[in-house]
Amino acid sequence: MDEQLNIPEFTDKDKKQTVFHNFTAQPEIVGKLLAIENGTFGLQYRILTNNGEVIVGTYGVLASKIIKQDEGKFIKIVCKGIAKSEKNKGRSYTNFEVFVK
């Protein structure tokens, strides 16, 4: 421990881990939208569920459906699977339904 600042020793128990929601294992997430934040690759969504806080990663479709004014509201995100874009030469993307209350 640093005597001058009283900085404690850190161990693995003090480490924070980001938990990203896995839509393959669980295609639906329901909870309270705590925040929309910038992540490494785009917007991320912090959601408080009955099982704790979860992060939903960056998806272009979500950025067009979830807005800053939705923070603090209840949200349900349902992964509808892979879809083909009619506008972008058949490019594939992950599609979602979003409900906000």
C-alpha atoms as a PDB file:
ATOM      1  CA  MET A   1       0.000   0.000   0.000  1.00  0.00           C
ATOM      2  CA  ASP A   2       1.218   3.497  -0.852  1.00  0.00           C
ATOM      3  CA  GLU A   3       1.578   5.243   2.505  1.00  0.00           C
ATOM      4  CA  GLN A   4       1.226   8.766   1.155  1.00  0.00           C
ATOM      5  CA  LEU A   5      -2.137   8.285  -0.640  1.00  0.00           C
ATOM      6  CA  ASN A   6      -3.384   5.233   1.262  1.00  0.00           C
ATOM      7  CA  ILE A   7      -3.999   3.426  -2.028  1.00  0.00           C
ATOM      8  CA  PRO A   8      -5.256  -0.101  -1.300  1.00  0.00           C
ATOM      9  CA  GLU A   9      -3.981  -3.267  -2.980  1.00  0.00           C
ATOM     10  CA  PHE A  10      -6.184  -4.538  -5.795  1.00  0.00           C
ATOM     11  CA  THR A  11      -6.989  -8.216  -6.377  1.00  0.00           C
ATOM     12  CA  ASP A  12      -8.994 -10.162  -8.969  1.00  0.00           C
ATOM     13  CA  LYS A  13     -12.084  -9.800  -6.736  1.00  0.00           C
ATOM     14  CA  ASP A  14     -11.953  -6.029  -7.393  1.00  0.00           C
ATOM     15  CA  LYS A  15     -11.918  -6.439 -11.198  1.00  0.00           C
ATOM     16  CA  LYS A  16     -15.014  -5.233 -13.061  1.00  0.00           C
ATOM     17  CA  GLN A  17     -16.195  -7.310 -15.989  1.00  0.00           C
ATOM     18  CA  THR A  18     -18.545  -6.107 -18.707  1.00  0.00           C
ATOM     19  CA  VAL A  19     -21.381  -8.552 -19.284  1.00  0.00           C
ATOM     20  CA  PHE A  20     -22.725  -8.400 -22.834  1.00  0.00           C
ATOM     21  CA  HIS A  21     -26.124  -9.890 -23.572  1.00  0.00           C
ATOM     22  CA  ASN A  22     -25.930 -12.995 -25.791  1.00  0.00           C
ATOM     23  CA  PHE A  23     -28.850 -12.892 -28.231  1.00  0.00           C
ATOM     24  CA  THR A  24     -27.982 -16.352 -29.574  1.00  0.00           C
ATOM     25  CA  ALA A  25     -28.544 -17.945 -26.163  1.00  0.00           C
ATOM     26  CA  GLN A  26     -31.418 -15.657 -25.162  1.00  0.00           C
ATOM     27  CA  PRO A  27     -33.085 -13.776 -28.050  1.00  0.00           C
ATOM     28  CA  GLU A  28     -35.042 -11.442 -25.752  1.00  0.00           C
ATOM     29  CA  ILE A  29     -33.993  -8.975 -23.059  1.00  0.00           C
ATOM     30  CA  VAL A  30     -36.376  -6.976 -20.867  1.00  0.00           C
ATOM     31  CA  GLY A  31     -35.532  -4.342 -18.288  1.00  0.00           C
ATOM     32  CA  LYS A  32     -34.997  -0.670 -17.580  1.00  0.00           C
ATOM     33  CA  LEU A  33     -32.767   1.244 -19.997  1.00  0.00           C
ATOM     34  CA  LEU A  34     -30.232   2.915 -17.709  1.00  0.00           C
ATOM     35  CA  ALA A  35     -28.036   4.592 -20.298  1.00  0.00           C
ATOM     36  CA  ILE A  36     -26.972   4.810 -23.914  1.00  0.00           C
ATOM     37  CA  GLU A  37     -23.199   5.124 -24.010  1.00  0.00           C
ATOM     38  CA  ASN A  38     -20.439   5.249 -26.592  1.00  0.00           C
ATOM     39  CA  GLY A  39     -18.528   1.988 -26.770  1.00  0.00           C
ATOM     40  CA  THR A  40     -15.457   1.007 -28.727  1.00  0.00           C
ATOM     41  CA  PHE A  41     -17.434   0.293 -31.917  1.00  0.00           C
ATOM     42  CA  GLY A  42     -20.545   2.458 -31.427  1.00  0.00           C
ATOM     43  CA  LEU A  43     -23.471   2.876 -29.074  1.00  0.00           C
ATOM     44  CA  GLN A  44     -24.008   0.430 -26.222  1.00  0.00           C
ATOM     45  CA  TYR A  45     -27.113   0.074 -24.086  1.00  0.00           C
ATOM     46  CA  ARG A  46     -26.947  -0.511 -20.298  1.00  0.00           C
ATOM     47  CA  ILE A  47     -30.075  -2.340 -19.166  1.00  0.00           C
ATOM     48  CA  LEU A  48     -31.055  -3.316 -15.629  1.00  0.00           C
ATOM     49  CA  THR A  49     -32.818  -6.702 -15.708  1.00  0.00           C
ATOM     50  CA  ASN A  50     -34.148  -8.940 -12.941  1.00  0.00           C
ATOM     51  CA  ASN A  51     -30.778 -10.734 -13.136  1.00  0.00           C
ATOM     52  CA  GLY A  52     -28.637  -7.589 -12.848  1.00  0.00           C
ATOM     53  CA  GLU A  53     -27.101  -5.056 -15.200  1.00  0.00           C
ATOM     54  CA  VAL A  54     -26.336  -6.118 -18.768  1.00  0.00           C
ATOM     55  CA  ILE A  55     -24.796  -4.361 -21.762  1.00  0.00           C
ATOM     56  CA  VAL A  56     -26.285  -4.742 -25.229  1.00  0.00           C
ATOM     57  CA  GLY A  57     -23.573  -4.170 -27.787  1.00  0.00           C
ATOM     58  CA  THR A  58     -23.535  -2.152 -30.976  1.00  0.00           C
ATOM     59  CA  TYR A  59     -26.081  -2.966 -33.683  1.00  0.00           C
ATOM     60  CA  GLY A  60     -27.007  -0.451 -36.394  1.00  0.00           C
ATOM     61  CA  VAL A  61     -30.675  -1.410 -36.223  1.00  0.00           C
ATOM     62  CA  LEU A  62     -30.819  -0.610 -32.503  1.00  0.00           C
ATOM     63  CA  ALA A  63     -29.229   2.813 -33.044  1.00  0.00           C
ATOM     64  CA  SER A  64     -32.143   3.675 -35.319  1.00  0.00           C
ATOM     65  CA  LYS A  65     -34.791   2.412 -32.855  1.00  0.00           C
ATOM     66  CA  ILE A  66     -33.537   3.457 -29.390  1.00  0.00           C
ATOM     67  CA  ILE A  67     -33.061   7.153 -28.650  1.00  0.00           C
ATOM     68  CA  LYS A  68     -31.611   9.146 -25.742  1.00  0.00           C
ATOM     69  CA  GLN A  69     -35.133  10.061 -24.537  1.00  0.00           C
ATOM     70  CA  ASP A  70     -35.760   6.337 -23.915  1.00  0.00           C
ATOM     71  CA  GLU A  71     -33.291   6.316 -20.994  1.00  0.00           C
ATOM     72  CA  GLY A  72     -35.101   5.572 -17.738  1.00  0.00           C
ATOM     73  CA  LYS A  73     -37.933   3.759 -19.531  1.00  0.00           C
ATOM     74  CA  PHE A  74     -38.673   0.040 -19.664  1.00  0.00           C
ATOM     75  CA  ILE A  75     -37.451  -1.672 -22.809  1.00  0.00           C
ATOM     76  CA  LYS A  76     -37.848  -5.026 -24.504  1.00  0.00           C
ATOM     77  CA  ILE A  77     -35.466  -6.022 -27.297  1.00  0.00           C
ATOM     78  CA  VAL A  78     -36.220  -9.122 -29.356  1.00  0.00           C
ATOM     79  CA  CYS A  79     -33.642 -10.481 -31.781  1.00  0.00           C
ATOM     80  CA  LYS A  80     -35.411 -11.577 -34.968  1.00  0.00           C
ATOM     81  CA  GLY A  81     -32.307 -13.136 -36.502  1.00  0.00           C
ATOM     82  CA  ILE A  82     -30.372 -12.408 -39.661  1.00  0.00           C
ATOM     83  CA  ALA A  83     -32.126 -10.449 -42.411  1.00  0.00           C
ATOM     84  CA  LYS A  84     -31.055  -9.362 -45.885  1.00  0.00           C
ATOM     85  CA  SER A  85     -31.113  -5.668 -46.762  1.00  0.00           C
ATOM     86  CA  GLU A  86     -33.101  -4.781 -49.849  1.00  0.00           C
ATOM     87  CA  LYS A  87     -31.416  -1.367 -50.038  1.00  0.00           C
ATOM     88  CA  ASN A  88     -27.779  -2.461 -49.630  1.00  0.00           C
ATOM     89  CA  LYS A  89     -27.344  -5.168 -52.277  1.00  0.00           C
ATOM     90  CA  GLY A  90     -28.533  -8.032 -50.092  1.00  0.00           C
ATOM     91  CA  ARG A  91     -26.129  -7.308 -47.236  1.00  0.00           C
ATOM     92  CA  SER A  92     -26.963  -9.296 -44.078  1.00  0.00           C
ATOM     93  CA  TYR A  93     -27.678  -7.692 -40.710  1.00  0.00           C
ATOM     94  CA  THR A  94     -29.117  -8.695 -37.332  1.00  0.00           C
ATOM     95  CA  ASN A  95     -32.709  -7.507 -37.073  1.00  0.00           C
ATOM     96  CA  PHE A  96     -34.507  -6.529 -33.845  1.00  0.00           C
ATOM     97  CA  GLU A  97     -37.931  -5.538 -32.608  1.00  0.00           C
ATOM     98  CA  VAL A  98     -37.806  -2.856 -29.896  1.00  0.00           C
ATOM     99  CA  PHE A  99     -40.600  -2.022 -27.449  1.00  0.00           C
ATOM    100  CA  VAL A 100     -40.409   1.005 -25.113  1.00  0.00           C
ATOM    101  CA  LYS A 101     -42.809   1.867 -22.319  1.00  0.00           C
END
